[in-house]
């Protein structure tokens, strides 16, 4: 079995902002995200991804709860 790392990378789920369907699981580096906010006030999320329920590209926001 693989050990769970305790580093800065965190696993998050992506939810569609239109229909709230849970479609993707990804990970991001928390340290890099904090640096982006400090320097240019930007964020990685929301991402434009394809939603299977809506059947079009929509914005997906990060969700901590993984189903």
PDB file of N, CA and C in Angstrom:
ATOM      1  N   UNK A   1       0.827  -1.182   0.000  1.00  0.00           N
ATOM      2  CA  UNK A   1       0.000   0.000   0.000  1.00  0.00           C
ATOM      3  C   UNK A   1       0.875   1.250   0.000  1.00  0.00           C
ATOM      4  N   UNK A   2       0.375   2.261  -0.630  1.00  0.00           N
ATOM      5  CA  UNK A   2       1.087   3.532  -0.694  1.00  0.00           C
ATOM      6  C   UNK A   2       0.813   4.337   0.565  1.00  0.00           C
ATOM      7  N   UNK A   3       1.855   5.009   1.025  1.00  0.00           N
ATOM      8  CA  UNK A   3       1.695   5.868   2.196  1.00  0.00           C
ATOM      9  C   UNK A   3       1.117   7.206   1.771  1.00  0.00           C
ATOM     10  N   UNK A   4       0.322   7.754   2.625  1.00  0.00           N
ATOM     11  CA  UNK A   4      -0.257   9.072   2.367  1.00  0.00           C
ATOM     12  C   UNK A   4       0.788  10.130   2.711  1.00  0.00           C
ATOM     13  N   UNK A   5       1.125  10.977   1.737  1.00  0.00           N
ATOM     14  CA  UNK A   5       2.139  11.995   2.006  1.00  0.00           C
ATOM     15  C   UNK A   5       1.526  13.149   2.784  1.00  0.00           C
ATOM     16  N   UNK A   6       2.340  13.762   3.592  1.00  0.00           N
ATOM     17  CA  UNK A   6       1.874  14.878   4.401  1.00  0.00           C
ATOM     18  C   UNK A   6       2.458  16.190   3.902  1.00  0.00           C
ATOM     19  N   UNK A   7       2.735  16.252   2.615  1.00  0.00           N
ATOM     20  CA  UNK A   7       3.345  17.433   2.030  1.00  0.00           C
ATOM     21  C   UNK A   7       2.325  18.505   1.713  1.00  0.00           C
ATOM     22  N   UNK A   8       2.740  19.497   0.927  1.00  0.00           N
ATOM     23  CA  UNK A   8       1.868  20.626   0.611  1.00  0.00           C
ATOM     24  C   UNK A   8       0.803  20.308  -0.432  1.00  0.00           C
ATOM     25  N   UNK A   9       0.909  19.153  -1.136  1.00  0.00           N
ATOM     26  CA  UNK A   9      -0.076  18.823  -2.158  1.00  0.00           C
ATOM     27  C   UNK A   9      -1.339  18.290  -1.495  1.00  0.00           C
ATOM     28  N   UNK A  10      -2.489  18.858  -1.882  1.00  0.00           N
ATOM     29  CA  UNK A  10      -3.761  18.441  -1.297  1.00  0.00           C
ATOM     30  C   UNK A  10      -4.698  17.954  -2.387  1.00  0.00           C
ATOM     31  N   UNK A  11      -5.458  16.922  -2.067  1.00  0.00           N
ATOM     32  CA  UNK A  11      -6.438  16.380  -3.006  1.00  0.00           C
ATOM     33  C   UNK A  11      -7.747  17.133  -2.821  1.00  0.00           C
ATOM     34  N   UNK A  12      -8.322  17.604  -3.923  1.00  0.00           N
ATOM     35  CA  UNK A  12      -9.597  18.316  -3.889  1.00  0.00           C
ATOM     36  C   UNK A  12     -10.498  17.772  -4.991  1.00  0.00           C
ATOM     37  N   UNK A  13     -11.780  17.945  -4.805  1.00  0.00           N
ATOM     38  CA  UNK A  13     -12.742  17.588  -5.831  1.00  0.00           C
ATOM     39  C   UNK A  13     -13.211  18.836  -6.548  1.00  0.00           C
ATOM     40  N   UNK A  14     -13.653  18.672  -7.790  1.00  0.00           N
ATOM     41  CA  UNK A  14     -14.151  19.803  -8.565  1.00  0.00           C
ATOM     42  C   UNK A  14     -15.641  19.617  -8.809  1.00  0.00           C
ATOM     43  N   UNK A  15     -16.424  20.634  -8.443  1.00  0.00           N
ATOM     44  CA  UNK A  15     -17.873  20.627  -8.617  1.00  0.00           C
ATOM     45  C   UNK A  15     -18.259  21.641  -9.667  1.00  0.00           C
ATOM     46  N   UNK A  16     -19.242  21.278 -10.498  1.00  0.00           N
ATOM     47  CA  UNK A  16     -19.763  22.187 -11.504  1.00  0.00           C
ATOM     48  C   UNK A  16     -20.498  23.326 -10.798  1.00  0.00           C
ATOM     49  N   UNK A  17     -20.235  24.561 -11.222  1.00  0.00           N
ATOM     50  CA  UNK A  17     -20.878  25.709 -10.583  1.00  0.00           C
ATOM     51  C   UNK A  17     -22.317  25.897 -11.066  1.00  0.00           C
ATOM     52  N   UNK A  18     -22.697  25.254 -12.181  1.00  0.00           N
ATOM     53  CA  UNK A  18     -24.050  25.390 -12.711  1.00  0.00           C
ATOM     54  C   UNK A  18     -24.999  24.369 -12.083  1.00  0.00           C
ATOM     55  N   UNK A  19     -24.622  23.073 -12.147  1.00  0.00           N
ATOM     56  CA  UNK A  19     -25.537  22.021 -11.676  1.00  0.00           C
ATOM     57  C   UNK A  19     -25.060  21.331 -10.401  1.00  0.00           C
ATOM     58  N   UNK A  20     -23.907  21.744  -9.863  1.00  0.00           N
ATOM     59  CA  UNK A  20     -23.315  21.163  -8.652  1.00  0.00           C
ATOM     60  C   UNK A  20     -23.022  19.678  -8.760  1.00  0.00           C
ATOM     61  N   UNK A  21     -22.772  19.195  -9.966  1.00  0.00           N
ATOM     62  CA  UNK A  21     -22.389  17.797 -10.154  1.00  0.00           C
ATOM     63  C   UNK A  21     -20.908  17.651  -9.834  1.00  0.00           C
ATOM     64  N   UNK A  22     -20.573  16.580  -9.140  1.00  0.00           N
ATOM     65  CA  UNK A  22     -19.195  16.305  -8.748  1.00  0.00           C
ATOM     66  C   UNK A  22     -18.570  15.452  -9.837  1.00  0.00           C
ATOM     67  N   UNK A  23     -17.570  15.995 -10.562  1.00  0.00           N
ATOM     68  CA  UNK A  23     -17.077  15.275 -11.719  1.00  0.00           C
ATOM     69  C   UNK A  23     -15.599  14.956 -11.749  1.00  0.00           C
ATOM     70  N   UNK A  24     -14.751  15.711 -11.058  1.00  0.00           N
ATOM     71  CA  UNK A  24     -13.315  15.535 -11.166  1.00  0.00           C
ATOM     72  C   UNK A  24     -12.648  15.517  -9.799  1.00  0.00           C
ATOM     73  N   UNK A  25     -11.522  14.794  -9.714  1.00  0.00           N
ATOM     74  CA  UNK A  25     -10.666  14.807  -8.533  1.00  0.00           C
ATOM     75  C   UNK A  25      -9.283  15.208  -9.009  1.00  0.00           C
ATOM     76  N   UNK A  26      -8.693  16.179  -8.338  1.00  0.00           N
ATOM     77  CA  UNK A  26      -7.363  16.660  -8.710  1.00  0.00           C
ATOM     78  C   UNK A  26      -6.610  17.038  -7.450  1.00  0.00           C
ATOM     79  N   UNK A  27      -5.356  17.396  -7.607  1.00  0.00           N
ATOM     80  CA  UNK A  27      -4.581  17.854  -6.465  1.00  0.00           C
ATOM     81  C   UNK A  27      -3.873  19.144  -6.838  1.00  0.00           C
ATOM     82  N   UNK A  28      -3.596  19.945  -5.824  1.00  0.00           N
ATOM     83  CA  UNK A  28      -2.902  21.202  -6.047  1.00  0.00           C
ATOM     84  C   UNK A  28      -1.914  21.443  -4.914  1.00  0.00           C
ATOM     85  N   UNK A  29      -0.930  22.262  -5.188  1.00  0.00           N
ATOM     86  CA  UNK A  29       0.106  22.582  -4.222  1.00  0.00           C
ATOM     87  C   UNK A  29      -0.335  23.806  -3.418  1.00  0.00           C
ATOM     88  N   UNK A  30      -0.557  23.609  -2.149  1.00  0.00           N
ATOM     89  CA  UNK A  30      -1.071  24.674  -1.288  1.00  0.00           C
ATOM     90  C   UNK A  30      -0.079  25.830  -1.170  1.00  0.00           C
ATOM     91  N   UNK A  31       1.222  25.531  -1.153  1.00  0.00           N
ATOM     92  CA  UNK A  31       2.228  26.589  -1.047  1.00  0.00           C
ATOM     93  C   UNK A  31       2.212  27.489  -2.271  1.00  0.00           C
ATOM     94  N   UNK A  32       2.129  26.908  -3.463  1.00  0.00           N
ATOM     95  CA  UNK A  32       2.092  27.704  -4.688  1.00  0.00           C
ATOM     96  C   UNK A  32       0.832  28.559  -4.746  1.00  0.00           C
ATOM     97  N   UNK A  33      -0.267  28.025  -4.268  1.00  0.00           N
ATOM     98  CA  UNK A  33      -1.539  28.761  -4.272  1.00  0.00           C
ATOM     99  C   UNK A  33      -1.451  29.998  -3.377  1.00  0.00           C
ATOM    100  N   UNK A  34      -0.821  29.860  -2.224  1.00  0.00           N
ATOM    101  CA  UNK A  34      -0.668  30.997  -1.310  1.00  0.00           C
ATOM    102  C   UNK A  34       0.243  32.065  -1.909  1.00  0.00           C
ATOM    103  N   UNK A  35       1.299  31.637  -2.606  1.00  0.00           N
ATOM    104  CA  UNK A  35       2.207  32.589  -3.246  1.00  0.00           C
ATOM    105  C   UNK A  35       1.506  33.358  -4.361  1.00  0.00           C
ATOM    106  N   UNK A  36       0.649  32.676  -5.126  1.00  0.00           N
ATOM    107  CA  UNK A  36      -0.100  33.349  -6.194  1.00  0.00           C
ATOM    108  C   UNK A  36      -1.000  34.438  -5.631  1.00  0.00           C
ATOM    109  N   UNK A  37      -1.667  34.141  -4.523  1.00  0.00           N
ATOM    110  CA  UNK A  37      -2.573  35.116  -3.917  1.00  0.00           C
ATOM    111  C   UNK A  37      -1.823  36.329  -3.372  1.00  0.00           C
ATOM    112  N   UNK A  38      -0.633  36.095  -2.837  1.00  0.00           N
ATOM    113  CA  UNK A  38       0.147  37.196  -2.274  1.00  0.00           C
ATOM    114  C   UNK A  38       0.708  38.112  -3.356  1.00  0.00           C
ATOM    115  N   UNK A  39       1.203  37.529  -4.446  1.00  0.00           N
ATOM    116  CA  UNK A  39       1.897  38.337  -5.456  1.00  0.00           C
ATOM    117  C   UNK A  39       0.943  39.002  -6.435  1.00  0.00           C
ATOM    118  N   UNK A  40       0.019  38.237  -7.015  1.00  0.00           N
ATOM    119  CA  UNK A  40      -0.806  38.824  -8.075  1.00  0.00           C
ATOM    120  C   UNK A  40      -2.305  38.763  -7.790  1.00  0.00           C
ATOM    121  N   UNK A  41      -2.683  38.293  -6.619  1.00  0.00           N
ATOM    122  CA  UNK A  41      -4.090  38.211  -6.219  1.00  0.00           C
ATOM    123  C   UNK A  41      -4.912  37.369  -7.197  1.00  0.00           C
ATOM    124  N   UNK A  42      -4.286  36.311  -7.737  1.00  0.00           N
ATOM    125  CA  UNK A  42      -4.973  35.375  -8.625  1.00  0.00           C
ATOM    126  C   UNK A  42      -5.123  34.040  -7.923  1.00  0.00           C
ATOM    127  N   UNK A  43      -5.953  33.189  -8.496  1.00  0.00           N
ATOM    128  CA  UNK A  43      -6.155  31.858  -7.962  1.00  0.00           C
ATOM    129  C   UNK A  43      -6.251  30.860  -9.106  1.00  0.00           C
ATOM    130  N   UNK A  44      -5.910  29.606  -8.832  1.00  0.00           N
ATOM    131  CA  UNK A  44      -5.991  28.560  -9.840  1.00  0.00           C
ATOM    132  C   UNK A  44      -7.446  28.191 -10.121  1.00  0.00           C
ATOM    133  N   UNK A  45      -8.263  28.230  -9.092  1.00  0.00           N
ATOM    134  CA  UNK A  45      -9.658  27.831  -9.229  1.00  0.00           C
ATOM    135  C   UNK A  45     -10.536  29.057  -9.349  1.00  0.00           C
ATOM    136  N   UNK A  46     -11.627  29.046 -10.048  1.00  0.00           N
ATOM    137  CA  UNK A  46     -12.294  27.948 -10.745  1.00  0.00           C
ATOM    138  C   UNK A  46     -11.647  27.636 -12.097  1.00  0.00           C
ATOM    139  N   UNK A  47     -11.766  26.378 -12.490  1.00  0.00           N
ATOM    140  CA  UNK A  47     -11.257  25.902 -13.771  1.00  0.00           C
ATOM    141  C   UNK A  47     -12.409  25.699 -14.738  1.00  0.00           C
ATOM    142  N   UNK A  48     -12.151  25.865 -16.013  1.00  0.00           N
ATOM    143  CA  UNK A  48     -13.158  25.581 -17.033  1.00  0.00           C
ATOM    144  C   UNK A  48     -12.985  24.138 -17.477  1.00  0.00           C
ATOM    145  N   UNK A  49     -13.953  23.289 -17.136  1.00  0.00           N
ATOM    146  CA  UNK A  49     -13.898  21.864 -17.455  1.00  0.00           C
ATOM    147  C   UNK A  49     -15.219  21.440 -18.082  1.00  0.00           C
ATOM    148  N   UNK A  50     -15.216  20.244 -18.690  1.00  0.00           N
ATOM    149  CA  UNK A  50     -16.424  19.708 -19.308  1.00  0.00           C
ATOM    150  C   UNK A  50     -17.271  19.030 -18.242  1.00  0.00           C
ATOM    151  N   UNK A  51     -18.548  19.376 -18.181  1.00  0.00           N
ATOM    152  CA  UNK A  51     -19.485  18.754 -17.244  1.00  0.00           C
ATOM    153  C   UNK A  51     -20.313  17.726 -18.001  1.00  0.00           C
ATOM    154  N   UNK A  52     -20.318  16.489 -17.510  1.00  0.00           N
ATOM    155  CA  UNK A  52     -21.058  15.415 -18.171  1.00  0.00           C
ATOM    156  C   UNK A  52     -22.564  15.589 -18.036  1.00  0.00           C
ATOM    157  N   UNK A  53     -22.999  16.213 -16.948  1.00  0.00           N
ATOM    158  CA  UNK A  53     -24.432  16.410 -16.713  1.00  0.00           C
ATOM    159  C   UNK A  53     -24.969  17.543 -17.592  1.00  0.00           C
ATOM    160  N   UNK A  54     -24.262  18.669 -17.604  1.00  0.00           N
ATOM    161  CA  UNK A  54     -24.675  19.822 -18.410  1.00  0.00           C
ATOM    162  C   UNK A  54     -24.360  19.614 -19.896  1.00  0.00           C
ATOM    163  N   UNK A  55     -23.382  18.760 -20.185  1.00  0.00           N
ATOM    164  CA  UNK A  55     -22.907  18.479 -21.540  1.00  0.00           C
ATOM    165  C   UNK A  55     -22.346  19.720 -22.233  1.00  0.00           C
ATOM    166  N   UNK A  56     -21.593  20.515 -21.451  1.00  0.00           N
ATOM    167  CA  UNK A  56     -20.894  21.674 -21.998  1.00  0.00           C
ATOM    168  C   UNK A  56     -19.788  22.083 -21.031  1.00  0.00           C
ATOM    169  N   UNK A  57     -18.911  22.968 -21.471  1.00  0.00           N
ATOM    170  CA  UNK A  57     -17.844  23.470 -20.624  1.00  0.00           C
ATOM    171  C   UNK A  57     -18.408  24.508 -19.655  1.00  0.00           C
ATOM    172  N   UNK A  58     -18.157  24.295 -18.379  1.00  0.00           N
ATOM    173  CA  UNK A  58     -18.601  25.219 -17.343  1.00  0.00           C
ATOM    174  C   UNK A  58     -17.459  25.429 -16.360  1.00  0.00           C
ATOM    175  N   UNK A  59     -17.605  26.381 -15.467  1.00  0.00           N
ATOM    176  CA  UNK A  59     -16.608  26.622 -14.437  1.00  0.00           C
ATOM    177  C   UNK A  59     -16.801  25.597 -13.320  1.00  0.00           C
ATOM    178  N   UNK A  60     -15.705  25.019 -12.867  1.00  0.00           N
ATOM    179  CA  UNK A  60     -15.723  24.058 -11.776  1.00  0.00           C
ATOM    180  C   UNK A  60     -14.953  24.645 -10.603  1.00  0.00           C
ATOM    181  N   UNK A  61     -15.594  24.636  -9.434  1.00  0.00           N
ATOM    182  CA  UNK A  61     -14.985  25.178  -8.228  1.00  0.00           C
ATOM    183  C   UNK A  61     -14.453  24.049  -7.363  1.00  0.00           C
ATOM    184  N   UNK A  62     -13.524  24.396  -6.519  1.00  0.00           N
ATOM    185  CA  UNK A  62     -12.920  23.386  -5.662  1.00  0.00           C
ATOM    186  C   UNK A  62     -13.834  23.032  -4.499  1.00  0.00           C
ATOM    187  N   UNK A  63     -13.871  21.740  -4.167  1.00  0.00           N
ATOM    188  CA  UNK A  63     -14.682  21.246  -3.072  1.00  0.00           C
ATOM    189  C   UNK A  63     -13.822  20.352  -2.211  1.00  0.00           C
ATOM    190  N   UNK A  64     -13.758  20.620  -0.927  1.00  0.00           N
ATOM    191  CA  UNK A  64     -12.923  19.824  -0.024  1.00  0.00           C
ATOM    192  C   UNK A  64     -13.512  18.445   0.229  1.00  0.00           C
ATOM    193  N   UNK A  65     -14.847  18.332   0.260  1.00  0.00           N
ATOM    194  CA  UNK A  65     -15.489  17.051   0.521  1.00  0.00           C
ATOM    195  C   UNK A  65     -15.439  16.183  -0.723  1.00  0.00           C
ATOM    196  N   UNK A  66     -14.837  15.025  -0.608  1.00  0.00           N
ATOM    197  CA  UNK A  66     -14.787  14.071  -1.713  1.00  0.00           C
ATOM    198  C   UNK A  66     -15.863  13.024  -1.490  1.00  0.00           C
ATOM    199  N   UNK A  67     -16.661  12.808  -2.501  1.00  0.00           N
ATOM    200  CA  UNK A  67     -17.733  11.823  -2.367  1.00  0.00           C
ATOM    201  C   UNK A  67     -17.319  10.501  -2.946  1.00  0.00           C
TER     202      UNK A  67
END
